[in-house]
Every structure is written in structure tokens, then in C-alpha cells.
Protein backbone atom coordinates (compact mmCIF):
# COMPACT_ATOMS: atom_id res chain seq x y z
CA MET A 1 4.51 -96.67 109.15
CA SER A 2 1.86 -97.18 111.82
CA THR A 3 -1.75 -97.60 110.72
CA LYS A 4 -3.19 -95.47 113.54
CA THR A 5 -3.33 -91.71 113.61
CA LYS A 6 -4.47 -89.11 116.06
CA LYS A 7 -8.12 -88.11 115.60
CA GLY A 8 -8.56 -85.30 113.12
CA LEU A 9 -9.68 -84.56 109.59
CA LEU A 10 -9.21 -87.62 107.35
CA SER A 11 -7.99 -89.76 110.26
CA GLY A 12 -8.79 -93.32 109.27
CA TRP A 13 -8.68 -92.49 105.56
CA PHE A 14 -6.09 -93.97 103.16
CA GLU A 15 -4.96 -96.44 105.86
CA SER A 16 -4.11 -99.27 103.47
CA SER A 17 -0.45 -99.64 102.52
CA PHE A 18 -1.65 -99.41 98.91
CA TRP A 19 -1.85 -95.64 99.38
CA ASP A 20 1.69 -95.28 100.73
CA THR A 21 4.11 -93.09 98.78
CA LYS A 22 6.50 -94.84 96.42
CA ILE A 23 9.27 -92.50 97.59
CA THR A 24 11.23 -94.02 100.45
CA SER A 25 14.56 -92.16 100.26
CA ALA A 26 15.57 -89.61 102.88
CA ASN A 27 16.63 -87.14 100.18
CA VAL A 28 14.92 -85.86 97.05
CA HIS A 29 16.13 -87.61 93.91
CA GLY A 30 15.37 -87.32 90.21
CA LYS A 31 12.41 -89.70 90.16
CA GLU A 32 10.56 -87.76 92.85
CA ARG A 33 11.23 -84.39 91.22
CA TRP A 34 10.41 -85.39 87.65
CA LEU A 35 7.35 -87.49 88.43
CA GLY A 36 6.04 -85.73 91.54
CA TYR A 37 6.72 -82.10 90.66
CA VAL A 38 6.90 -81.98 86.85
CA ALA A 39 4.92 -84.80 85.18
CA GLY A 40 2.29 -85.30 87.91
CA PRO A 41 1.03 -81.71 88.33
CA PHE A 42 1.04 -81.23 84.56
CA GLY A 43 -2.41 -82.82 84.23
CA VAL A 44 -4.37 -80.41 86.41
CA MET A 45 -2.28 -77.50 85.10
CA LEU A 46 -3.45 -78.40 81.59
CA LEU A 47 -7.08 -78.23 82.70
CA GLN A 48 -6.58 -74.91 84.49
CA SER A 49 -4.78 -73.43 81.48
CA ILE A 50 -7.63 -74.39 79.16
CA VAL A 51 -10.26 -72.90 81.47
CA ASN A 52 -8.17 -69.75 81.91
CA SER A 53 -7.58 -69.24 78.20
CA TYR A 54 -10.60 -70.71 76.47
CA PHE A 55 -13.69 -70.69 78.70
CA ASN A 56 -14.54 -67.08 77.82
CA LYS A 57 -14.00 -67.82 74.14
CA TYR A 58 -16.27 -70.87 74.43
CA LEU A 59 -18.99 -68.73 76.02
CA THR A 60 -18.84 -65.90 73.49
CA ASP A 61 -17.93 -67.62 70.21
CA THR A 62 -19.41 -71.12 70.61
CA LEU A 63 -22.30 -70.70 73.01
CA GLY A 64 -23.21 -67.24 71.70
CA PHE A 65 -23.30 -65.81 75.20
CA THR A 66 -23.08 -62.15 74.13
CA VAL A 67 -25.08 -58.91 74.37
CA THR A 68 -27.20 -60.05 71.42
CA ARG A 69 -29.06 -62.18 73.97
CA GLY A 70 -29.32 -59.43 76.58
CA MET A 71 -27.51 -56.21 77.43
CA TRP A 72 -26.95 -57.43 81.01
CA ILE A 73 -24.53 -60.10 79.71
CA ALA A 74 -21.81 -57.47 79.17
CA SER A 75 -21.90 -56.54 82.87
CA PHE A 76 -22.15 -60.20 83.85
CA MET A 77 -18.99 -61.12 81.92
CA VAL A 78 -17.09 -58.42 83.82
CA VAL A 79 -18.56 -58.81 87.32
CA PHE A 80 -18.84 -62.59 87.55
CA PRO A 81 -15.07 -63.34 87.21
CA VAL A 82 -14.18 -60.65 89.77
CA LEU A 83 -16.69 -61.94 92.34
CA SER A 84 -15.52 -65.50 91.62
CA LYS A 85 -11.91 -64.49 92.38
CA LEU A 86 -13.04 -63.02 95.70
CA LEU A 87 -14.86 -66.27 96.51
CA ASP A 88 -11.74 -68.18 95.49
CA ALA A 89 -9.66 -66.08 97.91
CA ILE A 90 -12.07 -66.96 100.73
CA THR A 91 -12.02 -70.69 99.91
CA ASN A 92 -8.20 -70.56 99.82
CA VAL A 93 -8.20 -69.45 103.47
CA ILE A 94 -10.75 -72.14 104.34
CA MET A 95 -8.68 -74.77 102.55
CA ALA A 96 -5.55 -73.65 104.41
CA LYS A 97 -7.41 -74.28 107.66
CA ILE A 98 -8.58 -77.67 106.41
CA LEU A 99 -5.02 -78.66 105.51
CA ASP A 100 -3.83 -77.51 108.92
CA ASN A 101 -6.41 -79.79 110.60
CA THR A 102 -5.75 -82.81 108.38
CA LYS A 103 -4.41 -85.77 110.36
CA CYS A 104 -4.09 -88.47 107.76
CA ARG A 105 -1.68 -91.38 107.66
CA GLN A 106 -0.53 -90.21 104.21
CA GLY A 107 0.14 -86.62 105.29
CA LYS A 108 -1.56 -83.24 105.35
CA LEU A 109 -1.42 -82.59 101.60
CA ARG A 110 -1.17 -85.70 99.47
CA PRO A 111 -4.69 -87.06 100.16
CA TRP A 112 -6.20 -83.88 98.75
CA PHE A 113 -4.64 -84.53 95.35
CA ILE A 114 -6.89 -87.58 95.07
CA LEU A 115 -9.94 -86.09 96.80
CA SER A 116 -9.96 -83.09 94.46
CA LEU A 117 -10.21 -85.20 91.31
CA PRO A 118 -13.97 -86.05 91.26
CA ILE A 119 -14.96 -82.39 91.80
CA THR A 120 -12.39 -81.11 89.30
CA VAL A 121 -13.42 -83.51 86.53
CA ALA A 122 -17.17 -83.08 87.15
CA SER A 123 -16.93 -79.28 87.13
CA ILE A 124 -14.83 -79.24 83.94
CA ILE A 125 -17.42 -81.36 82.15
CA MET A 126 -20.21 -79.11 83.46
CA MET A 127 -18.43 -75.98 82.20
CA PHE A 128 -18.20 -77.28 78.66
CA ALA A 129 -21.56 -79.07 78.53
CA ILE A 130 -23.86 -76.10 79.11
CA PRO A 131 -27.40 -77.05 77.98
CA ASN A 132 -29.39 -75.09 75.42
CA MET A 133 -31.66 -72.97 77.60
CA GLY A 134 -32.39 -69.36 78.46
CA ALA A 135 -29.52 -66.90 78.92
CA LYS A 136 -30.22 -66.38 82.64
CA ALA A 137 -30.37 -70.12 83.28
CA GLN A 138 -27.08 -70.53 81.41
CA ALA A 139 -25.54 -67.73 83.49
CA ILE A 140 -26.48 -69.57 86.68
CA TRP A 141 -24.97 -72.77 85.24
CA VAL A 142 -21.77 -70.86 84.37
CA VAL A 143 -21.43 -69.38 87.89
CA ILE A 144 -22.01 -72.74 89.61
CA SER A 145 -19.73 -74.82 87.38
CA TYR A 146 -16.95 -72.20 87.23
CA ASN A 147 -16.84 -71.79 91.01
CA LEU A 148 -17.16 -75.51 91.58
CA PHE A 149 -13.94 -75.81 89.59
CA TYR A 150 -11.93 -72.80 90.76
CA SER A 151 -13.22 -72.28 94.31
CA VAL A 152 -13.57 -75.95 95.29
CA GLY A 153 -11.88 -78.63 93.16
CA TYR A 154 -8.90 -76.65 91.88
CA THR A 155 -8.41 -74.93 95.26
CA MET A 156 -8.25 -78.32 97.01
CA TRP A 157 -5.57 -79.48 94.60
CA TYR A 158 -3.65 -76.22 94.22
CA MET A 159 -3.32 -75.39 97.92
CA ALA A 160 -1.89 -78.85 98.59
CA TYR A 161 0.36 -78.57 95.53
CA GLU A 162 1.73 -75.14 96.52
CA LEU A 163 2.75 -76.42 99.96
CA SER A 164 4.09 -79.79 98.82
CA ALA A 165 7.60 -78.52 98.02
CA ALA A 166 7.83 -76.78 101.41
CA LEU A 167 6.97 -80.01 103.26
CA SER A 168 9.03 -82.29 101.02
CA THR A 169 12.36 -81.85 102.85
CA ARG A 170 14.34 -79.60 105.19
CA ASN A 171 17.19 -79.50 102.69
CA VAL A 172 16.97 -75.95 101.29
CA LYS A 173 18.63 -76.79 97.98
CA GLN A 174 16.40 -79.81 97.33
CA ARG A 175 13.28 -77.88 98.37
CA SER A 176 14.25 -75.05 96.04
CA GLY A 177 14.68 -77.53 93.19
CA ASN A 178 11.18 -78.93 93.78
CA SER A 179 9.72 -75.43 93.85
CA ILE A 180 11.43 -74.34 90.63
CA ALA A 181 10.32 -77.58 88.95
CA GLY A 182 6.75 -76.69 89.90
CA GLN A 183 7.06 -73.19 88.43
CA VAL A 184 8.45 -74.59 85.19
CA THR A 185 5.49 -76.99 84.99
CA LYS A 186 3.04 -74.08 85.34
CA ASN A 187 4.61 -72.20 82.45
CA ILE A 188 4.97 -75.28 80.27
CA GLY A 189 1.31 -76.16 80.86
CA THR A 190 0.20 -72.73 79.68
CA GLY A 191 2.56 -72.86 76.71
CA ILE A 192 1.46 -76.30 75.56
CA ILE A 193 -2.18 -75.24 75.68
CA SER A 194 -1.58 -72.04 73.72
CA ILE A 195 0.45 -73.84 71.07
CA LEU A 196 -1.29 -77.21 70.69
CA PHE A 197 -4.84 -76.96 72.02
CA PRO A 198 -6.25 -74.95 69.07
CA THR A 199 -5.03 -77.66 66.71
CA ILE A 200 -6.38 -80.47 68.91
CA LEU A 201 -9.73 -78.68 69.26
CA SER A 202 -9.98 -78.10 65.51
CA MET A 203 -9.26 -81.76 64.70
CA ILE A 204 -11.75 -83.09 67.24
CA SER A 205 -14.43 -80.55 66.27
CA ARG A 206 -14.24 -81.66 62.64
CA SER A 207 -14.51 -85.29 63.73
CA VAL A 208 -17.55 -84.87 66.00
CA GLY A 209 -19.40 -82.30 63.92
CA GLY A 210 -19.10 -78.92 65.62
CA ASP A 211 -17.23 -76.68 68.04
CA LYS A 212 -19.58 -77.23 70.97
CA GLN A 213 -19.19 -81.02 70.86
CA GLY A 214 -15.51 -80.51 70.05
CA TYR A 215 -14.90 -78.58 73.24
CA LEU A 216 -16.66 -81.23 75.34
CA VAL A 217 -14.79 -84.15 73.79
CA SER A 218 -11.47 -82.29 73.95
CA LEU A 219 -11.94 -81.54 77.64
CA ALA A 220 -12.97 -85.14 78.32
CA VAL A 221 -9.70 -86.24 76.70
CA MET A 222 -7.74 -83.75 78.82
CA CYS A 223 -9.47 -85.05 81.97
CA ALA A 224 -8.53 -88.60 80.97
CA ILE A 225 -4.90 -87.42 80.83
CA ALA A 226 -5.08 -85.41 84.07
CA VAL A 227 -6.46 -88.19 86.29
CA PRO A 228 -3.58 -90.71 85.95
CA LEU A 229 -1.03 -87.89 86.09
CA THR A 230 -2.50 -86.73 89.41
CA PHE A 231 -2.20 -90.26 90.77
CA ILE A 232 1.47 -90.17 89.71
CA GLN A 233 1.83 -86.88 91.59
CA TYR A 234 0.27 -88.47 94.67
CA PHE A 235 2.43 -91.59 94.68
CA TYR A 236 5.70 -89.85 93.83
CA THR A 237 5.69 -87.06 96.41
CA ARG A 238 6.55 -87.38 100.08
CA GLU A 239 5.94 -85.12 103.09
CA ARG A 240 9.13 -85.67 105.03
CA ILE A 241 8.57 -82.68 107.33
CA THR A 242 5.04 -83.84 108.17
CA GLU A 243 6.49 -87.23 109.07
CA GLU A 244 9.18 -85.62 111.26
CA ARG A 245 6.54 -83.77 113.26
CA ARG A 246 5.03 -87.00 114.42
CA VAL A 247 6.14 -89.00 117.46
CA THR A 248 5.40 -92.59 118.38
CA GLU A 249 3.63 -93.37 121.65
CA GLY A 250 2.21 -96.50 123.29
CA GLU A 251 1.20 -99.25 120.90
CA GLY A 252 2.69 -97.59 117.88
CA GLU A 253 -0.05 -94.97 117.81
CA LEU A 254 0.87 -92.04 115.60
CA VAL A 255 0.34 -88.67 117.28
CA GLN A 256 0.78 -85.18 115.87
CA VAL A 257 3.19 -82.84 117.64
CA LYS A 258 1.29 -79.80 118.98
CA GLU A 259 1.53 -76.82 116.66
CA ALA A 260 0.33 -73.23 116.77
CA SER A 261 -3.28 -72.88 115.59
CA PHE A 262 -4.09 -71.50 112.16
CA GLY A 263 -5.50 -68.34 113.75
CA THR A 264 -2.31 -67.76 115.73
CA GLN A 265 -0.17 -68.25 112.65
CA LEU A 266 -2.36 -65.89 110.60
CA LYS A 267 -2.20 -63.14 113.25
CA ALA A 268 1.58 -63.43 113.33
CA CYS A 269 1.75 -63.16 109.54
CA LEU A 270 -0.54 -60.12 109.42
CA LYS A 271 1.75 -58.28 111.86
CA ASP A 272 4.62 -58.66 109.40
CA LYS A 273 4.40 -55.84 106.84
CA TYR A 274 6.65 -57.69 104.42
CA TRP A 275 4.36 -60.73 104.45
CA VAL A 276 1.37 -58.48 103.72
CA MET A 277 3.25 -56.76 100.89
CA PHE A 278 4.26 -60.12 99.45
CA ILE A 279 0.67 -61.41 99.52
CA ILE A 280 -0.54 -58.24 97.79
CA LEU A 281 2.18 -58.68 95.16
CA ILE A 282 1.12 -62.28 94.51
CA PHE A 283 -2.55 -61.28 94.33
CA VAL A 284 -1.88 -58.49 91.82
CA TYR A 285 0.33 -60.76 89.70
CA GLN A 286 -2.30 -63.52 89.66
CA VAL A 287 -5.08 -61.09 88.69
CA LEU A 288 -3.03 -59.56 85.87
CA ASN A 289 -1.92 -62.99 84.68
CA ALA A 290 -5.53 -64.20 84.63
CA LEU A 291 -6.61 -61.13 82.65
CA LYS A 292 -3.79 -61.74 80.17
CA SER A 293 -4.77 -65.38 79.70
CA VAL A 294 -8.44 -64.56 79.15
CA SER A 295 -7.84 -61.66 76.76
CA GLN A 296 -4.87 -62.94 74.76
CA ILE A 297 -6.89 -64.96 72.24
CA TYR A 298 -9.08 -61.92 71.49
CA TYR A 299 -6.09 -59.57 71.41
CA ALA A 300 -4.29 -61.83 68.97
CA GLY A 301 -7.15 -61.66 66.50
CA TRP A 302 -8.52 -58.16 66.96
CA VAL A 303 -5.47 -56.01 67.73
CA VAL A 304 -2.42 -57.67 66.22
CA ALA A 305 -3.95 -58.84 62.96
CA GLY A 306 -6.78 -56.36 62.60
CA ASN A 307 -9.96 -58.40 62.41
CA ALA A 308 -8.36 -61.57 61.06
CA TYR A 309 -9.80 -63.60 63.92
CA GLY A 310 -9.10 -66.88 62.19
CA GLU A 311 -5.37 -66.24 62.56
CA ALA A 312 -5.66 -65.72 66.31
CA ALA A 313 -4.62 -69.23 67.31
CA ALA A 314 -1.37 -69.11 65.33
CA ILE A 315 -0.56 -65.62 66.61
CA GLN A 316 -1.34 -66.65 70.19
CA ALA A 317 1.03 -69.61 69.81
CA ARG A 318 3.81 -67.24 68.75
CA PHE A 319 3.01 -64.98 71.71
CA THR A 320 3.44 -67.92 74.06
CA MET A 321 6.66 -69.17 72.51
CA ILE A 322 8.17 -65.69 72.71
CA ALA A 323 7.05 -65.25 76.33
CA MET A 324 8.39 -68.69 77.32
CA ALA A 325 11.72 -68.35 75.53
CA PRO A 326 13.46 -66.59 78.48
CA MET A 327 12.44 -69.31 80.98
CA GLY A 328 15.56 -71.46 80.74
CA PRO A 329 18.26 -68.82 80.19
CA MET A 330 16.83 -66.45 82.84
CA LEU A 331 17.19 -69.12 85.52
CA PHE A 332 20.98 -68.76 85.25
CA VAL A 333 20.72 -64.96 85.21
CA VAL A 334 18.18 -64.30 87.96
CA LEU A 335 19.44 -66.64 90.71
CA PRO A 336 22.97 -65.12 90.86
CA LEU A 337 21.44 -61.61 90.81
CA ILE A 338 19.13 -62.52 93.71
CA LYS A 339 22.12 -63.66 95.77
CA LYS A 340 24.04 -60.47 94.99
CA PHE A 341 21.34 -57.77 95.14
CA GLY A 342 18.45 -59.35 97.07
CA ARG A 343 14.86 -60.22 96.19
CA THR A 344 13.36 -56.75 96.60
CA LYS A 345 15.59 -55.15 93.97
CA MET A 346 15.03 -58.06 91.59
CA ILE A 347 11.23 -57.80 91.90
CA ILE A 348 11.46 -54.07 91.18
CA LEU A 349 13.80 -54.64 88.22
CA GLY A 350 11.58 -57.39 86.77
CA SER A 351 8.45 -55.24 87.19
CA ALA A 352 10.17 -52.32 85.41
CA ILE A 353 11.22 -54.54 82.49
CA ALA A 354 7.71 -56.00 82.21
CA PHE A 355 6.18 -52.51 82.36
CA VAL A 356 8.41 -51.26 79.53
CA GLY A 357 7.45 -54.34 77.51
CA ALA A 358 3.76 -53.65 78.10
CA LEU A 359 4.16 -50.04 76.97
CA ILE A 360 5.91 -51.11 73.76
CA ALA A 361 3.14 -53.61 73.00
CA PHE A 362 0.42 -51.07 73.86
CA PHE A 363 1.73 -48.28 71.62
CA GLY A 364 2.64 -50.76 68.90
CA ALA A 365 -0.87 -52.25 68.68
CA GLY A 366 -1.63 -53.17 65.08
CA SER A 367 2.05 -53.74 64.22
CA THR A 368 3.26 -57.26 64.75
CA MET A 369 6.95 -56.71 65.58
CA PRO A 370 6.51 -54.10 68.39
CA VAL A 371 3.91 -56.31 70.02
CA TYR A 372 6.16 -59.36 69.83
CA ALA A 373 9.10 -57.30 71.16
CA GLY A 374 6.98 -56.09 74.07
CA THR A 375 5.85 -59.65 74.76
CA GLY A 376 9.48 -60.81 74.86
CA LEU A 377 10.42 -58.08 77.37
CA GLY A 378 7.36 -58.96 79.41
CA GLY A 379 8.50 -62.59 79.48
CA VAL A 380 11.94 -61.54 80.72
CA GLY A 381 10.41 -59.37 83.46
CA ALA A 382 8.03 -62.16 84.50
CA MET A 383 10.93 -64.55 85.03
CA PHE A 384 12.33 -62.23 87.72
CA TYR A 385 9.05 -62.63 89.61
CA VAL A 386 8.75 -66.38 89.01
CA TYR A 387 12.26 -67.29 90.15
CA THR A 388 12.33 -64.75 93.00
CA THR A 389 9.12 -66.06 94.55
CA SER A 390 9.79 -69.76 93.93
CA THR A 391 13.22 -70.03 95.55
CA PRO A 392 13.88 -70.04 99.32
């Protein structure tokens, strides 16, 4: 591979052969899929799952960030996540433009796995090391650290990660395999956190003398796991399509083939009603999924087991295991159905199943078995969405 690239964002960065991918094969094989799309992304997914599920609980139960310190906090806890999601949507578009303009020897995406790490780790530590100060000062700290993670560090990593399967190969079957592997990693990351993190947190908290210190040490440990795994992701992925789009000229200088601008591509997408509908579907799913993750720990303690909040972690673990149980079997059910009936009908069917499950859980609140049954149906319905959107 030539050491010169056309001028652009990150041109001249990662030029040393040390940063070259370890994947040299023309086709995707097991090592690339298992290390690059399963093990590697698992680290950052762990961090995101913890933030999604436990940051609110840390604020309310450990930091005491509740209405007892000011009535405005109730509104803040509702408004701040919504506004942060809107900011995150804006930074996603900005990051897409940045990726489009990246002209690095190592590709458009892979360098951002590494570049996201300092911001991601620093913001995680900030989120769980909030100083003892006034409520308003803590609220400012929360907004800055949370958005530094979600709208900057995690966005840098996630946008590159989401596109990595698409640029890994032109082979549809291999690309589909990489994409499904990524979806499985997302669900496993969430499941592991729900099942194991409460136990890990409890053990560390007892060792260091309190929940506040326990959260900080636990997250530091998770960051120490995430960093090497992200390096594995970087070294064991390859952008074959990005490489194909380059041509060699003159003295081996690497030049990018001219492509349509980001603005042109966006205008073309917005003219397609199905693209717009699909984006809305993804947005709604992500919002609902985020709300579920944030509220599940409270729901487990306050609704399912009355006010037995101490049992919440064990109940939440059972929720997660029930919801994850359909993941493997549904792969062999959904894919043949997609081929026979199409994606639209499968999305509608999955949504209907999930809706029925939600109704059963809602009307069965306070009774364990109806809630678990509803959770199981919801997991089945979710798999229709996951496998429909993750396969070409």
C-alpha cells in the first residue's frame, strides 16, 4: 500500500505500516468476523450499555440528584435526555460528513475507532466522577459529560462502526454476516451488563467503601477492557470497498475516485419516501429502546416486585435473559420469512407481536408471570426488526 494519499481529512495520519490492518485476504473469514465484528466492538458496547442502563440510577440513587434538592430537577431529568438526543442526531449528520471527507491511508472509518477512544474514556470517567457541589453546577457537569460521550466520542466510534460492514466487502453474503455479527454483539453487550454488572458493582463497592467510588472504579475497569478491544476491532477490520475506489497515479500516489458530495447524496435520499420512512422507523426504535434501558431497573423494583427495590437487579437480569432468548432461534425463522414475504410485512408483524407483548406486560403490572410473558413476546417482535434491518 502506498504511503501517500490525496489531500483531505486525516491525510498524512496513520502512515506507518504499524497501523495497517492485519486482514489481508480478499474475502471475509472467521478471524475478521469474530475479532473485528464481535469481540472488538464489544468493549465500547459495554460502556454504552452501562451508561444507558445505569447513569440515571447513579444520578438518583447514588448522587441524590432528585427533587429533594430542587423541584426543577424533575423537569431537568426529562428535558435534558431529549435535548441531548436531538444534539446527538445533529452530530451524527456532521460525523457522516466528516467520514465522507476522510482521506486516510487506513480508510474512511477505521482511524475513527482509535481517535474516539480518548474522548470516550475521558467522558465516561467524568460522568461517574461528579464532584460534590451545588445541584445546578452538577447539572451542568452532567450535560457536558453526557454529551461529550454520546454526541462526540460515541458518535465518532458508532458512525464508523455502523458503516464498517457495508465497506468490508462487495460480497452480499459476507457483508450480511458481518452485519448480523454486529447486531448480535449489541444485544449480548446489553445482556451481559444487565446480568453481570450489578454483581460486579456490588463487589467493587464493598471493596472500595461505597457506591459512588464503586461506580467510578467499575467504569475505570470497563474502560480498561474497552480500549484493547477497540484496538482489536481496528486491526481486524478491513475496508475493501474503500480500497477499490482508489486508483494509482504517477509515483504511486494514492488518489480517491471522485464521488458525489454528501449534500448530493442526502438530497437524493430525502427524495426517496421509503428511505425517509426507514429513518423514522430507526429513530423511533432507538428512542423507545433507550427509554426501556433507562427505566427497566426502576420498573423491575417498583412495578414487578412492589417496592422491593433491592431485588431489582435480579429481576432485571431475568428480564434480559428472557428478552435475549429468541435471538438465536429467531435468526432461522426471520430470514426465510423475509425472503418469502418481504421486509415490510416482517417489520409490521414484528411490531404487532412486540405491541401485544407490551400490552400484556402493562396490564399485568404487579404480577411477575404476565410481565415476563410480555417481555418474551417483545423479544420475539424485536428480533424481526433487528434481523430485517441488519441484512441486505
